[in-house]
Amino acid sequence: MDQIIKKASVLIEAIPYIHAFRRKIFVIKYGGSILDDPKIRHNVLQDIVFLSYVGIRIIIVHGGGPHISARMKEQGLKSEFVNGIRVTDKATLQIVGEELEKLNAQIVKEIKAFKGDVTGLKGQENIIFVKKKKAEKDLGFVGTITSVNKEHLESHLAQGCITVVSPMGMAVEKQPHNVNADEVAAAIANSMKAEKLVLLTDVPGVMRDLKDMSTLFSTLTLAEVDELIKSGLIVGGMIPKVTSCVEALQGGGVHKTHIVDARMPHALLLEFFTDQGVGTQIIK
């Protein structure tokens, strides 16, 4: 009986959050190795369907880096990166498009299996508009975002659909381009004036000591993030994630950003519907 009562108290704790977030937009970036693990993926998608059921409007931006790299290796092609961005020639672009389309279809299929209303946008729907990204080396068909077709996204959300977006963009000459998924998520979140931008990852959040859970920062301001980067406490793969959060907040459209460990069962529900939360939120 105590366990049953405890479950009820958790639901009661969630009520003010559910009320506050109804009809708000959450943009969730989901990719990397955590997209490959069926158990993690099912937990995440279950949470997302629940969020949708309580009236939150969800846009998922998925990556696909490991799938693309594996497919290129199979075909005897070498993956090349410049500052974390994949150099994308014509052959690579073909693989990127095919793998992202497969992943998009898989996510849509699994959300449907959880009885979620969902639509998949695979990159040809003119959602993300780009121009060629400039860098110290020619990156090929890699785009930097110029605008987002928010009306198209809004039309899917208005139908109550979880909207799954591939990180592909279209240039003015109708040429598809590969786009960094973190950039796509941040640009969509800003354009749609999202309540939250959420980056799912495979670490608990921003920590002072990666081996000590008690050093997790549950909340950071922009100024504190800047200090942590300068002091060398935020390093490696966490830097682009934190940078995406900072840019989204500075763009003025996003209220809060979150870095959440997708490996924790029901991490999204715990982060949004409990007083404590489980990841790191970054705020202005």
Protein backbone atom coordinates (compact mmCIF):
# COMPACT_ATOMS: atom_id res chain seq x y z
CA MET A 1 0.00 0.00 0.00
CA ASP A 2 2.86 2.41 0.82
CA GLN A 3 4.25 1.92 -2.69
CA ILE A 4 0.86 2.69 -4.25
CA ILE A 5 0.52 5.86 -2.16
CA LYS A 6 4.07 6.87 -3.15
CA LYS A 7 3.12 6.53 -6.84
CA ALA A 8 0.13 8.82 -6.27
CA SER A 9 2.31 11.44 -4.57
CA VAL A 10 4.65 11.45 -7.59
CA LEU A 11 1.69 12.12 -9.88
CA ILE A 12 0.51 14.96 -7.61
CA GLU A 13 4.03 16.49 -7.68
CA ALA A 14 3.83 16.51 -11.50
CA ILE A 15 0.54 18.46 -11.70
CA PRO A 16 1.94 22.05 -11.58
CA TYR A 17 4.58 21.16 -14.18
CA ILE A 18 2.03 19.54 -16.49
CA HIS A 19 -0.14 22.65 -16.13
CA ALA A 20 2.79 24.98 -16.84
CA PHE A 21 4.02 23.09 -19.92
CA ARG A 22 0.72 22.27 -21.66
CA ARG A 23 0.74 23.55 -25.26
CA LYS A 24 4.41 24.61 -24.92
CA ILE A 25 7.04 23.40 -27.41
CA PHE A 26 9.96 21.20 -26.38
CA VAL A 27 12.74 20.56 -28.91
CA ILE A 28 14.66 17.36 -28.11
CA LYS A 29 17.95 16.52 -29.83
CA TYR A 30 18.59 12.78 -29.86
CA GLY A 31 21.53 11.07 -31.53
CA GLY A 32 24.85 9.29 -31.21
CA SER A 33 25.37 5.93 -29.55
CA ILE A 34 22.29 6.40 -27.30
CA LEU A 35 20.14 6.22 -30.45
CA ASP A 36 21.60 2.78 -31.24
CA ASP A 37 20.64 1.08 -27.97
CA PRO A 38 17.08 -0.35 -28.30
CA LYS A 39 16.42 -0.35 -24.53
CA ILE A 40 17.49 3.30 -24.09
CA ARG A 41 15.64 4.32 -27.24
CA HIS A 42 12.40 2.68 -26.10
CA ASN A 43 12.62 4.39 -22.67
CA VAL A 44 13.22 7.78 -24.30
CA LEU A 45 10.41 7.38 -26.84
CA GLN A 46 7.98 6.21 -24.13
CA ASP A 47 8.74 9.39 -22.18
CA ILE A 48 8.25 11.50 -25.31
CA VAL A 49 4.86 9.90 -26.01
CA PHE A 50 3.85 10.63 -22.39
CA LEU A 51 4.92 14.27 -22.79
CA SER A 52 2.78 14.47 -25.91
CA TYR A 53 -0.21 12.90 -24.13
CA VAL A 54 -0.17 15.62 -21.45
CA GLY A 55 -0.29 18.35 -24.09
CA ILE A 56 3.38 19.21 -24.67
CA ARG A 57 4.24 19.78 -28.33
CA ILE A 58 7.38 17.84 -29.21
CA ILE A 59 9.93 18.25 -32.00
CA ILE A 60 12.66 15.59 -32.10
CA VAL A 61 15.84 16.33 -34.06
CA HIS A 62 17.79 13.11 -34.52
CA GLY A 63 21.42 12.62 -35.45
CA GLY A 64 22.95 9.56 -37.08
CA GLY A 65 26.74 9.93 -36.98
CA PRO A 66 27.63 6.35 -35.91
CA HIS A 67 25.28 4.84 -38.54
CA ILE A 68 26.76 7.03 -41.27
CA SER A 69 30.36 6.23 -40.26
CA ALA A 70 29.61 2.49 -40.14
CA ARG A 71 27.99 2.55 -43.59
CA MET A 72 30.91 4.49 -45.06
CA LYS A 73 33.35 1.96 -43.62
CA GLU A 74 31.33 -0.86 -45.21
CA GLN A 75 31.69 0.86 -48.58
CA GLY A 76 35.42 1.47 -48.16
CA LEU A 77 35.02 5.22 -47.66
CA LYS A 78 36.92 7.12 -44.99
CA SER A 79 35.11 9.48 -42.60
CA GLU A 80 36.84 12.85 -42.36
CA PHE A 81 36.02 15.56 -39.83
CA VAL A 82 37.08 19.20 -39.46
CA ASN A 83 36.38 20.62 -35.98
CA GLY A 84 33.78 17.91 -35.41
CA ILE A 85 31.97 18.53 -38.73
CA ARG A 86 31.83 15.68 -41.26
CA VAL A 87 33.35 16.52 -44.65
CA THR A 88 30.52 15.63 -47.04
CA ASP A 89 31.32 14.97 -50.70
CA LYS A 90 28.68 13.70 -53.14
CA ALA A 91 29.15 10.01 -52.21
CA THR A 92 29.04 10.82 -48.49
CA LEU A 93 25.94 13.00 -48.95
CA GLN A 94 24.13 10.06 -50.56
CA ILE A 95 24.94 7.86 -47.55
CA VAL A 96 24.02 10.62 -45.07
CA GLY A 97 20.62 11.06 -46.72
CA GLU A 98 19.88 7.33 -46.84
CA GLU A 99 20.93 6.62 -43.25
CA LEU A 100 19.06 9.61 -41.81
CA GLU A 101 15.94 8.57 -43.73
CA LYS A 102 16.16 5.04 -42.27
CA LEU A 103 16.61 6.39 -38.73
CA ASN A 104 13.74 8.83 -39.15
CA ALA A 105 11.44 6.01 -40.30
CA GLN A 106 12.57 3.78 -37.41
CA ILE A 107 11.84 6.47 -34.78
CA VAL A 108 8.42 7.17 -36.34
CA LYS A 109 7.57 3.45 -36.40
CA GLU A 110 8.53 2.98 -32.73
CA ILE A 111 6.57 6.05 -31.58
CA LYS A 112 3.54 4.66 -33.41
CA ALA A 113 4.05 1.35 -31.57
CA PHE A 114 3.68 3.33 -28.30
CA LYS A 115 0.39 4.79 -29.67
CA GLY A 116 1.88 8.23 -30.26
CA ASP A 117 0.68 10.53 -33.06
CA VAL A 118 3.77 11.27 -35.12
CA THR A 119 5.05 12.58 -38.42
CA GLY A 120 8.53 12.26 -39.91
CA LEU A 121 10.26 15.03 -41.88
CA LYS A 122 13.25 13.57 -43.70
CA GLY A 123 14.91 16.64 -45.18
CA GLN A 124 13.20 17.07 -48.54
CA GLU A 125 10.27 19.02 -47.06
CA ASN A 126 12.02 22.43 -47.10
CA ILE A 127 12.10 22.78 -43.31
CA ILE A 128 15.73 23.92 -42.92
CA PHE A 129 17.22 26.41 -45.38
CA VAL A 130 21.01 26.70 -45.59
CA LYS A 131 23.96 28.17 -47.39
CA LYS A 132 27.31 26.45 -47.79
CA LYS A 133 29.26 26.43 -44.53
CA LYS A 134 32.62 28.19 -44.73
CA ALA A 135 35.60 26.67 -42.92
CA GLU A 136 39.39 26.51 -43.07
CA LYS A 137 38.95 23.50 -45.39
CA ASP A 138 36.20 22.89 -47.98
CA LEU A 139 33.57 20.77 -46.20
CA GLY A 140 31.64 19.91 -49.37
CA PHE A 141 27.86 19.71 -49.02
CA VAL A 142 27.68 20.98 -45.44
CA GLY A 143 25.26 23.78 -44.68
CA THR A 144 24.98 26.59 -42.18
CA ILE A 145 21.36 27.47 -41.34
CA THR A 146 19.87 30.66 -42.78
CA SER A 147 16.22 30.13 -41.83
CA VAL A 148 13.62 27.64 -40.56
CA ASN A 149 10.18 27.06 -42.07
CA LYS A 150 8.36 27.38 -38.76
CA GLU A 151 4.91 27.49 -40.40
CA HIS A 152 5.41 23.96 -41.77
CA LEU A 153 6.53 22.68 -38.37
CA GLU A 154 3.64 24.47 -36.66
CA SER A 155 1.14 22.79 -39.00
CA HIS A 156 2.28 19.34 -37.84
CA LEU A 157 2.33 20.34 -34.17
CA ALA A 158 -1.18 21.80 -34.49
CA GLN A 159 -2.40 18.34 -35.50
CA GLY A 160 -1.02 16.97 -32.22
CA CYS A 161 1.85 15.16 -33.92
CA ILE A 162 5.26 14.51 -32.41
CA THR A 163 7.41 15.83 -35.26
CA VAL A 164 10.65 13.98 -36.06
CA VAL A 165 13.17 16.04 -38.09
CA SER A 166 16.29 14.85 -39.93
CA PRO A 167 19.26 17.27 -39.87
CA MET A 168 19.28 17.98 -43.61
CA GLY A 169 18.96 21.42 -45.18
CA MET A 170 18.14 22.77 -48.61
CA ALA A 171 20.16 25.48 -50.35
CA VAL A 172 18.59 28.00 -52.76
CA GLU A 173 19.54 25.88 -55.79
CA LYS A 174 17.53 22.96 -54.27
CA GLN A 175 20.75 21.15 -53.35
CA PRO A 176 20.48 19.08 -50.12
CA HIS A 177 23.18 19.70 -47.49
CA ASN A 178 24.27 17.86 -44.37
CA VAL A 179 23.74 19.99 -41.23
CA ASN A 180 24.99 19.47 -37.67
CA ALA A 181 22.06 18.11 -35.62
CA ASP A 182 22.84 20.28 -32.57
CA GLU A 183 22.70 23.37 -34.81
CA VAL A 184 19.39 22.25 -36.30
CA ALA A 185 17.87 21.65 -32.85
CA ALA A 186 19.03 25.06 -31.57
CA ALA A 187 17.81 26.89 -34.71
CA ILE A 188 14.38 25.21 -34.59
CA ALA A 189 14.06 25.88 -30.85
CA ASN A 190 14.83 29.58 -31.35
CA SER A 191 12.60 29.95 -34.39
CA MET A 192 9.65 28.23 -32.65
CA LYS A 193 10.28 30.13 -29.37
CA ALA A 194 10.45 26.78 -27.59
CA GLU A 195 9.94 26.49 -23.86
CA LYS A 196 12.87 24.07 -23.72
CA LEU A 197 15.78 22.80 -25.79
CA VAL A 198 16.84 19.38 -24.51
CA LEU A 199 20.07 17.61 -25.47
CA LEU A 200 20.07 13.90 -24.67
CA THR A 201 23.50 12.50 -23.93
CA ASP A 202 25.32 9.57 -22.29
CA VAL A 203 26.60 11.39 -19.18
CA PRO A 204 24.61 12.68 -16.18
CA GLY A 205 25.11 16.34 -17.16
CA VAL A 206 27.77 18.95 -16.43
CA MET A 207 29.89 17.71 -13.51
CA ARG A 208 32.84 19.07 -11.57
CA ASP A 209 34.19 15.50 -11.28
CA LEU A 210 32.96 12.90 -13.81
CA LYS A 211 33.48 10.13 -11.23
CA ASP A 212 31.44 11.79 -8.48
CA MET A 213 27.67 12.17 -9.00
CA SER A 214 27.47 14.60 -6.06
CA THR A 215 29.38 17.17 -8.19
CA LEU A 216 26.61 17.39 -10.82
CA PHE A 217 25.54 20.98 -11.52
CA SER A 218 21.72 20.91 -11.54
CA THR A 219 21.53 24.57 -12.68
CA LEU A 220 24.04 26.82 -14.44
CA THR A 221 23.76 30.40 -15.67
CA LEU A 222 25.41 31.64 -18.87
CA ALA A 223 28.08 33.42 -16.81
CA GLU A 224 28.83 30.25 -14.82
CA VAL A 225 29.12 28.21 -18.04
CA ASP A 226 31.62 30.72 -19.41
CA GLU A 227 33.73 30.41 -16.24
CA LEU A 228 33.65 26.59 -16.32
CA ILE A 229 34.81 26.52 -19.95
CA LYS A 230 37.63 29.00 -19.23
CA SER A 231 38.74 27.01 -16.18
CA GLY A 232 38.84 23.76 -18.19
CA LEU A 233 36.09 22.00 -16.22
CA ILE A 234 33.88 21.70 -19.32
CA VAL A 235 35.91 19.80 -21.92
CA GLY A 236 35.66 17.39 -24.87
CA GLY A 237 32.25 16.40 -26.19
CA MET A 238 30.45 18.45 -23.54
CA ILE A 239 31.71 21.74 -25.05
CA PRO A 240 29.56 21.61 -28.25
CA LYS A 241 26.51 20.57 -26.23
CA VAL A 242 26.92 23.43 -23.76
CA THR A 243 27.70 25.82 -26.63
CA SER A 244 24.44 24.84 -28.36
CA CYS A 245 22.55 25.57 -25.14
CA VAL A 246 24.26 28.94 -24.74
CA GLU A 247 23.57 29.96 -28.36
CA ALA A 248 19.91 28.91 -28.05
CA LEU A 249 19.47 31.06 -24.93
CA GLN A 250 21.34 34.02 -26.41
CA GLY A 251 19.14 33.82 -29.52
CA GLY A 252 16.27 34.98 -27.35
CA GLY A 253 13.66 32.42 -28.37
CA VAL A 254 14.34 29.64 -25.86
CA HIS A 255 13.41 29.86 -22.17
CA LYS A 256 15.50 27.01 -20.75
CA THR A 257 17.96 24.40 -21.97
CA HIS A 258 18.67 20.99 -20.49
CA ILE A 259 21.40 18.35 -20.79
CA VAL A 260 19.91 15.00 -19.75
CA ASP A 261 21.35 11.48 -19.46
CA ALA A 262 19.24 9.30 -21.77
CA ARG A 263 20.60 6.12 -20.11
CA MET A 264 18.61 6.84 -16.93
CA PRO A 265 15.14 5.26 -17.18
CA HIS A 266 12.48 7.95 -17.63
CA ALA A 267 15.05 10.73 -17.31
CA LEU A 268 12.88 13.18 -19.27
CA LEU A 269 9.90 12.73 -16.96
CA LEU A 270 12.11 13.07 -13.88
CA GLU A 271 13.77 16.20 -15.26
CA PHE A 272 10.54 18.00 -16.16
CA PHE A 273 7.95 16.75 -13.67
CA THR A 274 9.83 16.57 -10.35
CA ASP A 275 11.11 19.30 -8.04
CA GLN A 276 14.71 18.04 -8.10
CA GLY A 277 15.31 17.13 -11.76
CA VAL A 278 18.11 14.79 -12.81
CA GLY A 279 20.28 16.59 -15.38
CA THR A 280 21.80 20.05 -15.82
CA GLN A 281 19.60 22.99 -16.77
CA ILE A 282 21.28 26.04 -18.27
CA ILE A 283 19.43 29.35 -17.90
CA LYS A 284 20.04 33.00 -18.74
